[in-house]
């Protein structure tokens, strides 16, 4: 499946994509049990939790479902009278930000996506507690919509779940890109709904499934989709011969060899026209060049945020130290930005911590 029109919105899975239990589910559960006066091995709980999660039945009440998961996880390790106390403690623990860690660069990734002009949201099979977690982690202001399906009767990979996030983001599913770490629930589910599903994985993907090894590559992939650039394409014979000419190598011969050969200028002009660079979008130009505008380590911890009406480009920084380093390079950064296609109107740069 692929998005035939430029994407208007991006949705991200939460657990396993943007957020991860910290330091682990088993360690958080063991801490709750310890506070209730019981010692339980955290590694054993981690193993039990995985099977308990798979075995848990869908329920209209998210709290009831998670109580069942906790009970299965602690089965045989606690006296029956302790179970309700531990269930309540585990429910409360994962409603707080300190039980979660963000994927590296999460805030920067969201800022990069929004800078491209697309709406950004979250589609998760989690429950309402995660809204508070997103707020504590500082991610909520960067999201245009949050759809949490646990307890609603609709969950991924049901196309209705992707329809809900698409509506919340103000677009049709055909203009939605969704990414997550679950092949079936995220990638295949999104594709079945008419959206473009991307599987976040280090391994290979089956035929028909698009993958990304790291979430940091998502803004670049979305930018390519906005520009109409395919993921991977085979070069035509004419293109291969053009490269061969540049390298001083012999051309491939074929039935079309007698056709007039375009000059390099003509080939570049056509490529520019196809990519839309002849109609420069400042945000696209800045986004594409960002890794070259600042030192690599600094570029990874900053992101263009928005161009204000007065021509000032606001830049989000991952911490006060990063802001100080970037501010020191502001003059040179502005000069480089103004040289980019369509960016001559940028008059200043400003920095904010996010």
Foldseek 3Di string as FASTA:
>chain_A
DAQPAQFQEEAEEPDQAFKDFPPHLLVQLQVQVVVVPFHDDSVQLRVQLVVLVVPFDAALDLLVSQLSSQCSSCPPRDPPVCSVSSSVSSVVVVLAQVRMDTDPLSQQLLLLQVLVVHAYEYQYCADPSVCSNCVVVVNVVSHQYYHHCRSVPDAFLALVSLCVVQVSRPHQLSNYEYEYQDCRRFQVSSVVNNHHGEHADCDDDPPPHHYDPHSSCVSVVSLCSNQVHDPDDDDDQLRVQVVCVVVVHDGDDDPCVPPDRDDPVVVVVVVCVSRVVVVPDLSSQCSVCQCVLDPNVLSSQKHFRYQDPQQEIEMEGADPVSQVVVVVCFVSSLVVSCPTRPNVSRDGYHYDYD
